[in-house]
Amino acid sequence: MGFLLGLALSLATIFQGWRAYTGRWRTWIGYPGLLPRLRAYPMLGMLYGGIGLLAGTVLVEADTDSLPRPVLAVLMMIFLAGIWTLLISVFWLPRFMVPRWVEAAERANGLRP
């Protein structure tokens, strides 16, 4: 039951993040953020958070004795990186993680020089 719930939540989160990242759900994208002079993109972070949640779901359900340690280490790194990126995106997202269409829209609206 827990695996199915984790799988459903992670796939829904990946879907939402993918839709926001590709520009299909543009109203969700940016807001001024919690820190002054920084724009936050929490919906773009949902893609990475969903991938991390999926890796975490696999980690919880995996039989740790049967999986090799390098596989467990990679899954743990994906889990931590995805969740960390989701949390950071509430405050700020590095420029290389922001799609070009977001930068173009912000320049058109006068939000970026």
N, C-alpha and C. Protein backbone atom coordinates (compact mmCIF):
# COMPACT_ATOMS: atom_id res chain seq x y z
N MET A 1 0.82 -1.20 0.00
CA MET A 1 0.00 0.00 0.00
C MET A 1 0.86 1.26 0.00
N GLY A 2 1.92 1.26 0.83
CA GLY A 2 2.79 2.42 0.90
C GLY A 2 3.54 2.67 -0.40
N PHE A 3 3.94 1.57 -1.06
CA PHE A 3 4.64 1.71 -2.33
C PHE A 3 3.73 2.32 -3.38
N LEU A 4 2.49 1.87 -3.44
CA LEU A 4 1.55 2.40 -4.44
C LEU A 4 1.25 3.87 -4.19
N LEU A 5 1.12 4.26 -2.92
CA LEU A 5 0.89 5.66 -2.60
C LEU A 5 2.10 6.52 -2.97
N GLY A 6 3.28 6.04 -2.63
CA GLY A 6 4.50 6.77 -2.99
C GLY A 6 4.67 6.87 -4.50
N LEU A 7 4.35 5.79 -5.21
CA LEU A 7 4.45 5.80 -6.66
C LEU A 7 3.46 6.79 -7.26
N ALA A 8 2.23 6.78 -6.77
CA ALA A 8 1.22 7.70 -7.29
C ALA A 8 1.60 9.16 -7.01
N LEU A 9 2.06 9.45 -5.80
CA LEU A 9 2.46 10.82 -5.47
C LEU A 9 3.66 11.28 -6.30
N SER A 10 4.63 10.40 -6.46
CA SER A 10 5.81 10.79 -7.22
C SER A 10 5.47 11.00 -8.70
N LEU A 11 4.65 10.14 -9.27
CA LEU A 11 4.27 10.32 -10.68
C LEU A 11 3.42 11.57 -10.88
N ALA A 12 2.54 11.87 -9.93
CA ALA A 12 1.75 13.11 -10.03
C ALA A 12 2.64 14.34 -9.92
N THR A 13 3.63 14.29 -9.04
CA THR A 13 4.55 15.40 -8.87
C THR A 13 5.43 15.57 -10.10
N ILE A 14 5.91 14.48 -10.66
CA ILE A 14 6.70 14.55 -11.89
C ILE A 14 5.86 15.13 -13.02
N PHE A 15 4.61 14.71 -13.13
CA PHE A 15 3.73 15.21 -14.19
C PHE A 15 3.51 16.71 -14.05
N GLN A 16 3.24 17.18 -12.84
CA GLN A 16 3.03 18.62 -12.63
C GLN A 16 4.29 19.41 -12.95
N GLY A 17 5.43 18.92 -12.50
CA GLY A 17 6.68 19.61 -12.78
C GLY A 17 7.02 19.62 -14.25
N TRP A 18 6.77 18.50 -14.91
CA TRP A 18 7.03 18.43 -16.35
C TRP A 18 6.15 19.40 -17.12
N ARG A 19 4.88 19.47 -16.74
CA ARG A 19 3.96 20.40 -17.41
C ARG A 19 4.39 21.85 -17.19
N ALA A 20 4.86 22.16 -16.00
CA ALA A 20 5.33 23.52 -15.73
C ALA A 20 6.64 23.78 -16.46
N TYR A 21 7.53 22.82 -16.47
CA TYR A 21 8.85 22.99 -17.09
C TYR A 21 8.75 23.17 -18.61
N THR A 22 7.83 22.46 -19.25
CA THR A 22 7.67 22.57 -20.70
C THR A 22 6.81 23.76 -21.10
N GLY A 23 6.23 24.46 -20.14
CA GLY A 23 5.48 25.67 -20.45
C GLY A 23 4.00 25.45 -20.70
N ARG A 24 3.51 24.29 -20.40
CA ARG A 24 2.08 24.03 -20.60
C ARG A 24 1.24 24.61 -19.47
N TRP A 25 1.79 24.73 -18.28
CA TRP A 25 1.11 25.37 -17.15
C TRP A 25 1.93 26.58 -16.72
N ARG A 26 1.80 27.67 -17.44
CA ARG A 26 2.64 28.84 -17.23
C ARG A 26 2.23 29.69 -16.03
N THR A 27 1.01 29.61 -15.61
CA THR A 27 0.57 30.46 -14.49
C THR A 27 1.15 30.01 -13.16
N TRP A 28 1.70 28.83 -13.11
CA TRP A 28 2.25 28.30 -11.86
C TRP A 28 3.70 28.66 -11.65
N ILE A 29 4.34 29.25 -12.63
CA ILE A 29 5.79 29.28 -12.65
C ILE A 29 6.44 30.11 -11.56
N GLY A 30 6.46 31.41 -11.70
CA GLY A 30 7.31 32.19 -10.80
C GLY A 30 6.54 33.12 -9.89
N TYR A 31 7.16 33.43 -8.81
CA TYR A 31 6.66 34.47 -7.93
C TYR A 31 7.87 35.09 -7.25
N PRO A 32 7.73 36.23 -6.60
CA PRO A 32 8.91 36.93 -6.10
C PRO A 32 9.79 36.11 -5.17
N GLY A 33 9.28 35.16 -4.48
CA GLY A 33 10.10 34.32 -3.63
C GLY A 33 10.13 34.82 -2.19
N LEU A 34 10.73 34.04 -1.35
CA LEU A 34 10.78 34.37 0.06
C LEU A 34 11.94 35.30 0.41
N LEU A 35 12.93 35.40 -0.48
CA LEU A 35 14.05 36.29 -0.26
C LEU A 35 13.96 37.48 -1.21
N PRO A 36 14.28 38.68 -0.74
CA PRO A 36 14.21 39.85 -1.62
C PRO A 36 15.16 39.72 -2.81
N ARG A 37 14.74 40.23 -3.94
CA ARG A 37 15.51 40.26 -5.18
C ARG A 37 15.79 38.90 -5.80
N LEU A 38 15.17 37.88 -5.32
CA LEU A 38 15.31 36.55 -5.91
C LEU A 38 13.95 36.05 -6.36
N ARG A 39 13.92 35.47 -7.55
CA ARG A 39 12.67 34.88 -8.04
C ARG A 39 12.68 33.39 -7.75
N ALA A 40 11.60 32.91 -7.24
CA ALA A 40 11.48 31.49 -6.89
C ALA A 40 10.64 30.78 -7.96
N TYR A 41 10.93 29.54 -8.15
CA TYR A 41 10.22 28.72 -9.13
C TYR A 41 9.87 27.37 -8.52
N PRO A 42 8.95 27.33 -7.57
CA PRO A 42 8.65 26.05 -6.91
C PRO A 42 8.05 25.01 -7.84
N MET A 43 7.31 25.42 -8.85
CA MET A 43 6.72 24.43 -9.74
C MET A 43 7.76 23.80 -10.65
N LEU A 44 8.81 24.52 -10.97
CA LEU A 44 9.90 23.91 -11.73
C LEU A 44 10.64 22.91 -10.86
N GLY A 45 10.73 23.18 -9.57
CA GLY A 45 11.37 22.26 -8.65
C GLY A 45 10.56 20.99 -8.42
N MET A 46 9.28 21.03 -8.76
CA MET A 46 8.44 19.84 -8.59
C MET A 46 8.92 18.67 -9.46
N LEU A 47 9.46 18.98 -10.62
CA LEU A 47 9.97 17.91 -11.48
C LEU A 47 11.10 17.16 -10.79
N TYR A 48 12.05 17.90 -10.24
CA TYR A 48 13.18 17.28 -9.56
C TYR A 48 12.74 16.61 -8.25
N GLY A 49 11.82 17.24 -7.56
CA GLY A 49 11.30 16.64 -6.32
C GLY A 49 10.56 15.35 -6.57
N GLY A 50 9.81 15.29 -7.66
CA GLY A 50 9.10 14.07 -8.01
C GLY A 50 10.04 12.93 -8.36
N ILE A 51 11.12 13.26 -9.06
CA ILE A 51 12.12 12.24 -9.38
C ILE A 51 12.79 11.75 -8.09
N GLY A 52 13.08 12.67 -7.18
CA GLY A 52 13.66 12.28 -5.90
C GLY A 52 12.69 11.44 -5.08
N LEU A 53 11.42 11.81 -5.11
CA LEU A 53 10.42 11.04 -4.38
C LEU A 53 10.28 9.62 -4.95
N LEU A 54 10.37 9.51 -6.26
CA LEU A 54 10.32 8.19 -6.89
C LEU A 54 11.51 7.34 -6.47
N ALA A 55 12.70 7.94 -6.45
CA ALA A 55 13.88 7.20 -6.00
C ALA A 55 13.75 6.81 -4.53
N GLY A 56 13.19 7.69 -3.72
CA GLY A 56 12.98 7.38 -2.30
C GLY A 56 11.97 6.27 -2.11
N THR A 57 10.93 6.25 -2.93
CA THR A 57 9.94 5.18 -2.86
C THR A 57 10.57 3.84 -3.21
N VAL A 58 11.41 3.83 -4.22
CA VAL A 58 12.11 2.59 -4.59
C VAL A 58 13.05 2.17 -3.47
N LEU A 59 13.73 3.14 -2.85
CA LEU A 59 14.64 2.82 -1.75
C LEU A 59 13.92 2.19 -0.56
N VAL A 60 12.76 2.70 -0.25
CA VAL A 60 12.01 2.18 0.90
C VAL A 60 11.54 0.76 0.64
N GLU A 61 11.12 0.50 -0.58
CA GLU A 61 10.58 -0.82 -0.90
C GLU A 61 11.65 -1.83 -1.30
N ALA A 62 12.85 -1.37 -1.62
CA ALA A 62 13.89 -2.28 -2.11
C ALA A 62 14.41 -3.16 -0.98
N ASP A 63 14.74 -4.36 -1.37
CA ASP A 63 15.41 -5.27 -0.44
C ASP A 63 16.89 -4.90 -0.47
N THR A 64 17.35 -4.24 0.59
CA THR A 64 18.71 -3.71 0.60
C THR A 64 19.77 -4.80 0.55
N ASP A 65 19.42 -6.02 0.90
CA ASP A 65 20.40 -7.11 0.84
C ASP A 65 20.62 -7.59 -0.59
N SER A 66 19.59 -7.45 -1.44
CA SER A 66 19.71 -7.97 -2.80
C SER A 66 20.29 -6.94 -3.77
N LEU A 67 20.17 -5.66 -3.46
CA LEU A 67 20.72 -4.63 -4.35
C LEU A 67 22.18 -4.35 -4.03
N PRO A 68 22.99 -4.17 -5.05
CA PRO A 68 24.40 -3.82 -4.80
C PRO A 68 24.51 -2.43 -4.17
N ARG A 69 25.54 -2.22 -3.40
CA ARG A 69 25.73 -0.94 -2.71
C ARG A 69 25.83 0.25 -3.67
N PRO A 70 26.50 0.14 -4.83
CA PRO A 70 26.53 1.29 -5.74
C PRO A 70 25.14 1.71 -6.22
N VAL A 71 24.26 0.75 -6.44
CA VAL A 71 22.89 1.07 -6.86
C VAL A 71 22.17 1.81 -5.74
N LEU A 72 22.32 1.32 -4.52
CA LEU A 72 21.71 2.01 -3.37
C LEU A 72 22.26 3.42 -3.21
N ALA A 73 23.56 3.58 -3.43
CA ALA A 73 24.18 4.90 -3.30
C ALA A 73 23.64 5.86 -4.37
N VAL A 74 23.49 5.38 -5.59
CA VAL A 74 22.97 6.23 -6.66
C VAL A 74 21.52 6.61 -6.38
N LEU A 75 20.70 5.66 -5.94
CA LEU A 75 19.31 5.97 -5.59
C LEU A 75 19.24 6.99 -4.46
N MET A 76 20.11 6.84 -3.47
CA MET A 76 20.12 7.80 -2.36
C MET A 76 20.54 9.18 -2.83
N MET A 77 21.51 9.25 -3.72
CA MET A 77 21.94 10.55 -4.24
C MET A 77 20.84 11.21 -5.06
N ILE A 78 20.13 10.43 -5.86
CA ILE A 78 19.01 10.98 -6.64
C ILE A 78 17.91 11.46 -5.71
N PHE A 79 17.61 10.69 -4.68
CA PHE A 79 16.59 11.08 -3.70
C PHE A 79 16.97 12.40 -3.03
N LEU A 80 18.18 12.48 -2.51
CA LEU A 80 18.60 13.69 -1.80
C LEU A 80 18.68 14.90 -2.72
N ALA A 81 19.22 14.72 -3.93
CA ALA A 81 19.33 15.84 -4.87
C ALA A 81 17.96 16.34 -5.30
N GLY A 82 17.04 15.44 -5.55
CA GLY A 82 15.69 15.85 -5.97
C GLY A 82 14.95 16.60 -4.88
N ILE A 83 14.98 16.08 -3.67
CA ILE A 83 14.27 16.74 -2.57
C ILE A 83 14.94 18.07 -2.24
N TRP A 84 16.27 18.10 -2.24
CA TRP A 84 17.00 19.35 -1.98
C TRP A 84 16.66 20.41 -3.02
N THR A 85 16.61 20.03 -4.30
CA THR A 85 16.27 20.98 -5.36
C THR A 85 14.85 21.50 -5.19
N LEU A 86 13.93 20.62 -4.82
CA LEU A 86 12.55 21.06 -4.57
C LEU A 86 12.50 22.09 -3.44
N LEU A 87 13.21 21.83 -2.36
CA LEU A 87 13.20 22.76 -1.23
C LEU A 87 13.87 24.09 -1.58
N ILE A 88 14.97 24.04 -2.31
CA ILE A 88 15.68 25.25 -2.69
C ILE A 88 14.85 26.09 -3.67
N SER A 89 14.06 25.43 -4.53
CA SER A 89 13.29 26.16 -5.54
C SER A 89 12.23 27.06 -4.93
N VAL A 90 11.91 26.86 -3.67
CA VAL A 90 10.96 27.76 -2.99
C VAL A 90 11.61 29.13 -2.77
N PHE A 91 12.93 29.15 -2.66
CA PHE A 91 13.65 30.40 -2.44
C PHE A 91 14.31 30.91 -3.70
N TRP A 92 14.88 30.00 -4.51
CA TRP A 92 15.69 30.39 -5.66
C TRP A 92 15.98 29.15 -6.49
N LEU A 93 16.20 29.35 -7.78
CA LEU A 93 16.58 28.24 -8.65
C LEU A 93 17.72 28.73 -9.54
N PRO A 94 18.80 27.95 -9.65
CA PRO A 94 19.92 28.39 -10.49
C PRO A 94 19.47 28.66 -11.92
N ARG A 95 20.11 29.61 -12.55
CA ARG A 95 19.72 30.04 -13.89
C ARG A 95 19.76 28.90 -14.91
N PHE A 96 20.71 27.97 -14.75
CA PHE A 96 20.80 26.88 -15.73
C PHE A 96 19.65 25.89 -15.60
N MET A 97 18.89 25.96 -14.53
CA MET A 97 17.74 25.06 -14.35
C MET A 97 16.43 25.71 -14.79
N VAL A 98 16.48 26.97 -15.16
CA VAL A 98 15.29 27.68 -15.59
C VAL A 98 15.20 27.59 -17.12
N PRO A 99 14.07 27.14 -17.66
CA PRO A 99 13.94 27.01 -19.12
C PRO A 99 14.05 28.37 -19.82
N ARG A 100 14.42 28.31 -21.07
CA ARG A 100 14.59 29.55 -21.85
C ARG A 100 13.29 30.32 -22.00
N TRP A 101 12.17 29.62 -22.09
CA TRP A 101 10.92 30.33 -22.30
C TRP A 101 10.56 31.16 -21.07
N VAL A 102 10.99 30.74 -19.88
CA VAL A 102 10.73 31.52 -18.67
C VAL A 102 11.54 32.81 -18.71
N GLU A 103 12.81 32.71 -19.09
CA GLU A 103 13.64 33.90 -19.19
C GLU A 103 13.10 34.86 -20.24
N ALA A 104 12.65 34.34 -21.38
CA ALA A 104 12.09 35.18 -22.43
C ALA A 104 10.81 35.88 -21.96
N ALA A 105 9.97 35.16 -21.25
CA ALA A 105 8.73 35.76 -20.73
C ALA A 105 9.03 36.82 -19.69
N GLU A 106 10.04 36.59 -18.85
CA GLU A 106 10.39 37.58 -17.84
C GLU A 106 11.01 38.83 -18.48
N ARG A 107 11.80 38.65 -19.51
CA ARG A 107 12.35 39.81 -20.22
C ARG A 107 11.23 40.61 -20.89
N ALA A 108 10.26 39.92 -21.46
CA ALA A 108 9.14 40.60 -22.11
C ALA A 108 8.29 41.38 -21.11
N ASN A 109 8.20 40.87 -19.90
CA ASN A 109 7.41 41.56 -18.86
C ASN A 109 8.23 42.57 -18.08
N GLY A 110 9.51 42.70 -18.39
CA GLY A 110 10.36 43.65 -17.69
C GLY A 110 10.84 43.18 -16.33
N LEU A 111 10.80 41.89 -16.08
CA LEU A 111 11.23 41.36 -14.79
C LEU A 111 12.73 41.04 -14.76
N ARG A 112 13.33 40.92 -15.95
CA ARG A 112 14.77 40.65 -16.05
C ARG A 112 15.37 41.65 -17.02
N PRO A 113 16.60 42.05 -16.76
CA PRO A 113 17.25 42.99 -17.70
C PRO A 113 17.65 42.29 -18.98
